[in-house]
């Protein structure tokens, strides 16, 4: 059984997000995925304000983007997210940008991110509470 998807973003493709051909330009796909990532992180127990106070965060080290279908001005969008794996200092999760009206997937983003000490500028161990949350999500009840 695969982990359940959760909605982590909703928005609209405004005309100023589109290229000369009338489709959302690539820079804004990543912006939507980035916004969704913050909501995903909160769902696994990482809280931006507490992390900021503790000088820790997440450092994305790899993103793989697949553009699946064009999406144009006026389209309502949603990003859905789910975990893929959790390691000692890193985790990987998927995002899908979907057309909210049709459910069609427009793009996919696989992100690998490292738990990061912002002062020391190095990876740190993912906290047990976050690891436990991801592991529980990775193995949903039958």
N, C-alpha and C. Protein backbone atom coordinates (compact mmCIF):
# COMPACT_ATOMS: atom_id res chain seq x y z
N UNK A 1 0.85 -1.18 0.00
CA UNK A 1 0.00 0.00 0.00
C UNK A 1 0.89 1.24 0.00
N UNK A 2 0.56 2.25 -0.80
CA UNK A 2 1.37 3.47 -0.86
C UNK A 2 0.83 4.52 0.10
N UNK A 3 1.68 5.41 0.55
CA UNK A 3 1.22 6.45 1.47
C UNK A 3 0.14 7.32 0.84
N UNK A 4 -0.77 7.76 1.66
CA UNK A 4 -1.85 8.63 1.19
C UNK A 4 -1.33 10.02 0.84
N UNK A 5 -1.93 10.61 -0.17
CA UNK A 5 -1.62 11.99 -0.56
C UNK A 5 -2.44 12.94 0.31
N UNK A 6 -1.86 14.09 0.64
CA UNK A 6 -2.59 15.16 1.32
C UNK A 6 -2.45 16.44 0.50
N UNK A 7 -3.48 17.26 0.54
CA UNK A 7 -3.42 18.53 -0.17
C UNK A 7 -2.60 19.51 0.65
N UNK A 8 -1.60 20.13 0.01
CA UNK A 8 -0.70 21.05 0.71
C UNK A 8 -0.68 22.45 0.10
N UNK A 9 -1.44 22.66 -0.96
CA UNK A 9 -1.44 23.99 -1.61
C UNK A 9 -2.67 24.07 -2.51
N UNK A 10 -3.20 25.28 -2.63
CA UNK A 10 -4.20 25.55 -3.66
C UNK A 10 -3.97 26.97 -4.17
N UNK A 11 -4.22 27.15 -5.45
CA UNK A 11 -3.99 28.45 -6.05
C UNK A 11 -4.67 28.57 -7.39
N UNK A 12 -4.30 29.60 -8.10
CA UNK A 12 -4.86 29.85 -9.42
C UNK A 12 -3.73 30.28 -10.35
N UNK A 13 -3.82 29.88 -11.60
CA UNK A 13 -2.83 30.29 -12.59
C UNK A 13 -3.29 31.64 -13.16
N UNK A 14 -2.68 32.70 -12.66
CA UNK A 14 -2.99 34.04 -13.14
C UNK A 14 -2.28 34.29 -14.47
N UNK A 15 -2.80 35.17 -15.29
CA UNK A 15 -2.15 35.44 -16.58
C UNK A 15 -0.69 35.83 -16.47
N UNK A 16 -0.31 36.55 -15.40
CA UNK A 16 1.07 36.99 -15.26
C UNK A 16 2.01 35.84 -14.86
N UNK A 17 1.46 34.64 -14.60
CA UNK A 17 2.29 33.46 -14.33
C UNK A 17 2.58 32.67 -15.61
N UNK A 18 2.03 33.16 -16.73
CA UNK A 18 2.13 32.41 -17.99
C UNK A 18 3.19 33.00 -18.92
N UNK A 19 3.69 32.13 -19.80
CA UNK A 19 4.67 32.54 -20.79
C UNK A 19 3.98 33.09 -22.03
N UNK A 20 4.75 33.37 -23.05
CA UNK A 20 4.22 33.96 -24.28
C UNK A 20 3.26 33.04 -25.01
N UNK A 21 3.29 31.75 -24.68
CA UNK A 21 2.40 30.79 -25.32
C UNK A 21 1.11 30.56 -24.53
N UNK A 22 0.98 31.24 -23.39
CA UNK A 22 -0.24 31.14 -22.60
C UNK A 22 -0.26 30.03 -21.57
N UNK A 23 0.87 29.38 -21.35
CA UNK A 23 0.95 28.31 -20.36
C UNK A 23 1.76 28.78 -19.16
N UNK A 24 1.46 28.23 -18.00
CA UNK A 24 2.23 28.61 -16.83
C UNK A 24 3.71 28.33 -17.09
N UNK A 25 4.54 29.32 -16.81
CA UNK A 25 5.97 29.19 -17.05
C UNK A 25 6.63 28.36 -15.95
N UNK A 26 7.73 27.74 -16.27
CA UNK A 26 8.34 26.77 -15.36
C UNK A 26 8.71 27.35 -14.01
N UNK A 27 9.09 28.61 -13.95
CA UNK A 27 9.50 29.18 -12.66
C UNK A 27 8.38 29.15 -11.63
N UNK A 28 7.13 29.21 -12.09
CA UNK A 28 6.02 29.25 -11.15
C UNK A 28 5.55 27.87 -10.71
N UNK A 29 5.87 26.84 -11.48
CA UNK A 29 5.63 25.48 -11.00
C UNK A 29 6.42 25.28 -9.71
N UNK A 30 7.70 25.62 -9.77
CA UNK A 30 8.57 25.41 -8.62
C UNK A 30 8.12 26.26 -7.42
N UNK A 31 7.62 27.46 -7.67
CA UNK A 31 7.13 28.30 -6.58
C UNK A 31 5.94 27.64 -5.87
N UNK A 32 5.04 27.05 -6.64
CA UNK A 32 3.90 26.36 -6.03
C UNK A 32 4.36 25.14 -5.24
N UNK A 33 5.32 24.39 -5.80
CA UNK A 33 5.86 23.24 -5.07
C UNK A 33 6.56 23.69 -3.79
N UNK A 34 7.28 24.80 -3.84
CA UNK A 34 7.98 25.30 -2.67
C UNK A 34 6.99 25.69 -1.57
N UNK A 35 5.93 26.41 -1.94
CA UNK A 35 4.90 26.77 -0.96
C UNK A 35 4.28 25.52 -0.34
N UNK A 36 3.98 24.53 -1.18
CA UNK A 36 3.38 23.29 -0.68
C UNK A 36 4.32 22.58 0.29
N UNK A 37 5.63 22.66 0.03
CA UNK A 37 6.60 21.98 0.88
C UNK A 37 6.55 22.45 2.32
N UNK A 38 6.32 23.74 2.53
CA UNK A 38 6.22 24.27 3.89
C UNK A 38 5.03 23.66 4.63
N UNK A 39 3.92 23.49 3.92
CA UNK A 39 2.74 22.88 4.53
C UNK A 39 2.98 21.39 4.80
N UNK A 40 3.67 20.72 3.87
CA UNK A 40 4.03 19.32 4.08
C UNK A 40 4.91 19.19 5.33
N UNK A 41 5.92 20.04 5.45
CA UNK A 41 6.82 19.98 6.60
C UNK A 41 6.06 20.16 7.91
N UNK A 42 5.10 21.06 7.90
CA UNK A 42 4.30 21.27 9.10
C UNK A 42 3.51 20.01 9.45
N UNK A 43 3.00 19.31 8.44
CA UNK A 43 2.21 18.10 8.68
C UNK A 43 3.04 16.97 9.27
N UNK A 44 4.36 16.99 9.05
CA UNK A 44 5.20 15.94 9.63
C UNK A 44 5.81 16.38 10.96
N UNK A 45 5.44 17.56 11.44
CA UNK A 45 5.89 17.99 12.75
C UNK A 45 7.00 19.00 12.78
N UNK A 46 7.44 19.49 11.64
CA UNK A 46 8.46 20.54 11.60
C UNK A 46 7.74 21.89 11.55
N UNK A 47 7.96 22.71 12.54
CA UNK A 47 7.27 24.00 12.62
C UNK A 47 8.25 25.13 12.33
N UNK A 48 7.93 25.91 11.32
CA UNK A 48 8.84 26.94 10.81
C UNK A 48 9.29 27.92 11.90
N UNK A 49 8.37 28.39 12.72
CA UNK A 49 8.74 29.38 13.74
C UNK A 49 9.69 28.78 14.79
N UNK A 50 9.38 27.58 15.25
CA UNK A 50 10.25 26.92 16.24
C UNK A 50 11.61 26.61 15.63
N UNK A 51 11.61 26.15 14.38
CA UNK A 51 12.88 25.87 13.71
C UNK A 51 13.71 27.14 13.58
N UNK A 52 13.06 28.23 13.20
CA UNK A 52 13.76 29.50 13.04
C UNK A 52 14.42 29.92 14.35
N UNK A 53 13.67 29.80 15.44
CA UNK A 53 14.21 30.16 16.76
C UNK A 53 15.39 29.27 17.15
N UNK A 54 15.38 28.01 16.70
CA UNK A 54 16.45 27.06 17.03
C UNK A 54 17.57 27.05 15.99
N UNK A 55 17.46 27.91 14.99
CA UNK A 55 18.46 27.98 13.90
C UNK A 55 18.63 26.65 13.18
N UNK A 56 17.50 25.95 12.97
CA UNK A 56 17.52 24.74 12.15
C UNK A 56 16.48 24.87 11.04
N UNK A 57 16.63 24.07 10.04
CA UNK A 57 15.69 24.12 8.93
C UNK A 57 15.88 22.91 8.04
N UNK A 58 15.56 23.09 6.78
CA UNK A 58 15.69 22.04 5.77
C UNK A 58 16.42 22.63 4.57
N UNK A 59 17.30 21.87 4.00
CA UNK A 59 18.03 22.30 2.80
C UNK A 59 17.73 21.32 1.68
N UNK A 60 17.02 21.80 0.67
CA UNK A 60 16.74 20.94 -0.48
C UNK A 60 18.03 20.72 -1.24
N UNK A 61 18.35 19.45 -1.47
CA UNK A 61 19.61 19.14 -2.16
C UNK A 61 19.36 18.56 -3.56
N UNK A 62 18.13 18.15 -3.82
CA UNK A 62 17.82 17.62 -5.15
C UNK A 62 16.32 17.73 -5.39
N UNK A 63 15.99 18.17 -6.60
CA UNK A 63 14.59 18.19 -7.03
C UNK A 63 14.53 17.68 -8.45
N UNK A 64 13.66 16.72 -8.67
CA UNK A 64 13.42 16.17 -10.00
C UNK A 64 12.02 16.59 -10.43
N UNK A 65 11.95 17.35 -11.52
CA UNK A 65 10.66 17.83 -12.00
C UNK A 65 10.28 17.14 -13.30
N UNK A 66 9.04 16.73 -13.37
CA UNK A 66 8.48 16.16 -14.59
C UNK A 66 7.25 16.99 -14.95
N UNK A 67 7.27 17.55 -16.15
CA UNK A 67 6.13 18.30 -16.65
C UNK A 67 5.27 17.33 -17.45
N UNK A 68 4.03 17.17 -17.03
CA UNK A 68 3.16 16.13 -17.56
C UNK A 68 2.13 16.68 -18.53
N UNK A 69 1.49 17.79 -18.17
CA UNK A 69 0.44 18.37 -19.00
C UNK A 69 0.47 19.89 -18.83
N UNK A 70 0.16 20.59 -19.90
CA UNK A 70 0.15 22.05 -19.84
C UNK A 70 -1.01 22.53 -18.97
N UNK A 71 -0.79 23.67 -18.36
CA UNK A 71 -1.85 24.29 -17.56
C UNK A 71 -1.81 25.78 -17.86
N UNK A 72 -2.96 26.36 -18.11
CA UNK A 72 -3.01 27.75 -18.56
C UNK A 72 -3.72 28.69 -17.61
N UNK A 73 -3.74 29.94 -18.03
CA UNK A 73 -4.35 31.01 -17.23
C UNK A 73 -5.79 30.66 -16.86
N UNK A 74 -6.13 30.93 -15.62
CA UNK A 74 -7.47 30.70 -15.12
C UNK A 74 -7.66 29.36 -14.45
N UNK A 75 -6.72 28.44 -14.64
CA UNK A 75 -6.85 27.11 -14.04
C UNK A 75 -6.68 27.19 -12.52
N UNK A 76 -7.51 26.48 -11.81
CA UNK A 76 -7.34 26.33 -10.37
C UNK A 76 -6.41 25.15 -10.15
N UNK A 77 -5.47 25.33 -9.22
CA UNK A 77 -4.46 24.30 -9.00
C UNK A 77 -4.46 23.82 -7.56
N UNK A 78 -3.99 22.60 -7.39
CA UNK A 78 -3.76 22.03 -6.07
C UNK A 78 -2.45 21.26 -6.12
N UNK A 79 -1.72 21.29 -5.02
CA UNK A 79 -0.56 20.43 -4.89
C UNK A 79 -0.89 19.41 -3.82
N UNK A 80 -0.61 18.16 -4.14
CA UNK A 80 -0.80 17.04 -3.23
C UNK A 80 0.56 16.44 -2.94
N UNK A 81 0.80 16.06 -1.69
CA UNK A 81 2.12 15.61 -1.26
C UNK A 81 2.03 14.30 -0.49
N UNK A 82 3.15 13.57 -0.51
CA UNK A 82 3.28 12.36 0.31
C UNK A 82 4.76 12.04 0.50
N UNK A 83 5.09 11.35 1.59
CA UNK A 83 6.48 10.97 1.83
C UNK A 83 6.90 9.80 0.96
N UNK A 84 8.19 9.72 0.69
CA UNK A 84 8.76 8.59 -0.05
C UNK A 84 9.68 7.78 0.87
N UNK A 85 10.55 8.48 1.61
CA UNK A 85 11.45 7.79 2.53
C UNK A 85 12.00 8.79 3.54
N UNK A 86 12.51 8.26 4.64
CA UNK A 86 13.19 9.08 5.63
C UNK A 86 14.49 8.36 5.99
N UNK A 87 15.58 9.11 6.03
CA UNK A 87 16.88 8.57 6.39
C UNK A 87 17.34 9.14 7.71
N UNK A 88 18.63 9.06 7.97
CA UNK A 88 19.20 9.57 9.21
C UNK A 88 19.13 11.11 9.27
N UNK A 89 19.57 11.76 8.19
CA UNK A 89 19.60 13.23 8.15
C UNK A 89 18.74 13.82 7.04
N UNK A 90 18.10 12.98 6.25
CA UNK A 90 17.35 13.49 5.11
C UNK A 90 16.04 12.76 4.94
N UNK A 91 15.23 13.31 4.08
CA UNK A 91 13.98 12.66 3.69
C UNK A 91 13.69 13.01 2.24
N UNK A 92 12.78 12.26 1.68
CA UNK A 92 12.36 12.49 0.30
C UNK A 92 10.84 12.47 0.27
N UNK A 93 10.26 13.40 -0.49
CA UNK A 93 8.81 13.44 -0.63
C UNK A 93 8.44 13.85 -2.04
N UNK A 94 7.22 13.50 -2.42
CA UNK A 94 6.70 13.81 -3.75
C UNK A 94 5.63 14.89 -3.64
N UNK A 95 5.60 15.73 -4.64
CA UNK A 95 4.50 16.69 -4.83
C UNK A 95 3.94 16.48 -6.22
N UNK A 96 2.63 16.60 -6.35
CA UNK A 96 1.98 16.61 -7.66
C UNK A 96 1.15 17.87 -7.78
N UNK A 97 1.36 18.63 -8.85
CA UNK A 97 0.52 19.79 -9.15
C UNK A 97 -0.61 19.28 -10.03
N UNK A 98 -1.84 19.48 -9.57
CA UNK A 98 -3.01 18.96 -10.27
C UNK A 98 -3.96 20.09 -10.64
N UNK A 99 -4.66 19.90 -11.74
CA UNK A 99 -5.76 20.79 -12.10
C UNK A 99 -6.89 20.47 -11.13
N UNK A 100 -7.32 21.47 -10.35
CA UNK A 100 -8.32 21.24 -9.31
C UNK A 100 -9.67 20.83 -9.87
N UNK A 101 -9.98 21.26 -11.09
CA UNK A 101 -11.28 20.91 -11.68
C UNK A 101 -11.31 19.51 -12.27
N UNK A 102 -10.20 19.08 -12.84
CA UNK A 102 -10.18 17.79 -13.54
C UNK A 102 -9.41 16.71 -12.81
N UNK A 103 -8.55 17.10 -11.88
CA UNK A 103 -7.70 16.14 -11.19
C UNK A 103 -6.47 15.74 -12.00
N UNK A 104 -6.37 16.23 -13.25
CA UNK A 104 -5.25 15.89 -14.10
C UNK A 104 -3.94 16.40 -13.51
N UNK A 105 -2.91 15.56 -13.52
CA UNK A 105 -1.59 15.93 -13.02
C UNK A 105 -0.89 16.76 -14.08
N UNK A 106 -0.44 17.95 -13.70
CA UNK A 106 0.29 18.84 -14.61
C UNK A 106 1.79 18.70 -14.46
N UNK A 107 2.24 18.44 -13.23
CA UNK A 107 3.67 18.31 -12.99
C UNK A 107 3.90 17.53 -11.71
N UNK A 108 5.09 16.93 -11.63
CA UNK A 108 5.50 16.18 -10.44
C UNK A 108 6.86 16.68 -10.00
N UNK A 109 7.07 16.70 -8.69
CA UNK A 109 8.37 17.11 -8.15
C UNK A 109 8.76 16.17 -7.03
N UNK A 110 9.89 15.52 -7.19
CA UNK A 110 10.45 14.65 -6.16
C UNK A 110 11.58 15.43 -5.49
N UNK A 111 11.44 15.67 -4.20
CA UNK A 111 12.40 16.50 -3.47
C UNK A 111 13.14 15.67 -2.43
N UNK A 112 14.45 15.85 -2.39
CA UNK A 112 15.28 15.30 -1.31
C UNK A 112 15.75 16.50 -0.51
N UNK A 113 15.52 16.45 0.78
CA UNK A 113 15.89 17.56 1.65
C UNK A 113 16.60 17.04 2.89
N UNK A 114 17.52 17.85 3.42
CA UNK A 114 18.34 17.48 4.57
C UNK A 114 17.97 18.36 5.74
N UNK A 115 17.84 17.75 6.93
CA UNK A 115 17.65 18.52 8.16
C UNK A 115 18.95 19.28 8.37
N UNK A 116 18.86 20.58 8.64
CA UNK A 116 20.03 21.43 8.50
C UNK A 116 20.20 22.37 9.68
N UNK A 117 21.43 22.42 10.21
CA UNK A 117 21.81 23.39 11.23
C UNK A 117 22.23 24.65 10.50
N UNK A 118 21.47 25.72 10.66
CA UNK A 118 21.69 26.95 9.90
C UNK A 118 22.95 27.69 10.34
N UNK A 119 23.38 27.53 11.60
CA UNK A 119 24.60 28.20 12.05
C UNK A 119 25.84 27.41 11.65
N UNK A 120 25.83 26.11 11.88
CA UNK A 120 26.99 25.27 11.56
C UNK A 120 27.06 24.97 10.06
N UNK A 121 25.95 25.20 9.34
CA UNK A 121 25.87 24.96 7.89
C UNK A 121 26.17 23.50 7.55
N UNK A 122 25.51 22.58 8.30
CA UNK A 122 25.70 21.16 8.03
C UNK A 122 24.43 20.39 8.39
N UNK A 123 24.33 19.18 7.84
CA UNK A 123 23.20 18.31 8.12
C UNK A 123 23.20 17.82 9.55
N UNK A 124 21.98 17.64 10.08
CA UNK A 124 21.81 17.11 11.43
C UNK A 124 20.79 15.97 11.37
N UNK A 125 20.73 15.21 12.43
CA UNK A 125 19.82 14.07 12.50
C UNK A 125 18.37 14.56 12.54
N UNK A 126 17.52 13.89 11.76
CA UNK A 126 16.08 14.18 11.78
C UNK A 126 15.55 13.75 13.16
N UNK A 127 14.80 14.65 13.80
CA UNK A 127 14.28 14.38 15.13
C UNK A 127 13.39 13.14 15.13
N UNK A 128 13.39 12.43 16.27
CA UNK A 128 12.59 11.21 16.40
C UNK A 128 11.11 11.46 16.14
N UNK A 129 10.57 12.56 16.62
CA UNK A 129 9.14 12.84 16.43
C UNK A 129 8.79 12.98 14.95
N UNK A 130 9.66 13.64 14.20
CA UNK A 130 9.44 13.80 12.76
C UNK A 130 9.62 12.46 12.06
N UNK A 131 10.66 11.73 12.41
CA UNK A 131 10.91 10.41 11.81
C UNK A 131 9.71 9.48 12.06
N UNK A 132 9.21 9.48 13.28
CA UNK A 132 8.08 8.63 13.64
C UNK A 132 6.85 8.99 12.82
N UNK A 133 6.60 10.28 12.64
CA UNK A 133 5.45 10.72 11.86
C UNK A 133 5.57 10.26 10.40
N UNK A 134 6.75 10.41 9.82
CA UNK A 134 6.95 9.99 8.42
C UNK A 134 6.82 8.48 8.31
N UNK A 135 7.45 7.75 9.21
CA UNK A 135 7.39 6.29 9.16
C UNK A 135 5.96 5.78 9.29
N UNK A 136 5.17 6.41 10.16
CA UNK A 136 3.76 6.02 10.31
C UNK A 136 3.00 6.29 9.02
N UNK A 137 3.30 7.38 8.37
CA UNK A 137 2.63 7.75 7.13
C UNK A 137 3.05 6.80 6.00
N UNK A 138 4.31 6.36 6.03
CA UNK A 138 4.81 5.45 5.00
C UNK A 138 4.19 4.05 5.09
N UNK A 139 3.71 3.70 6.27
CA UNK A 139 3.11 2.37 6.45
C UNK A 139 1.68 2.51 6.99
N UNK A 140 0.77 2.97 6.10
CA UNK A 140 -0.62 3.17 6.55
C UNK A 140 -1.28 1.85 6.94
N UNK A 141 -2.26 1.95 7.80
CA UNK A 141 -3.00 0.76 8.25
C UNK A 141 -3.69 0.10 7.07
N UNK A 142 -3.72 -1.22 7.09
CA UNK A 142 -4.34 -1.97 5.99
C UNK A 142 -5.85 -1.88 6.04
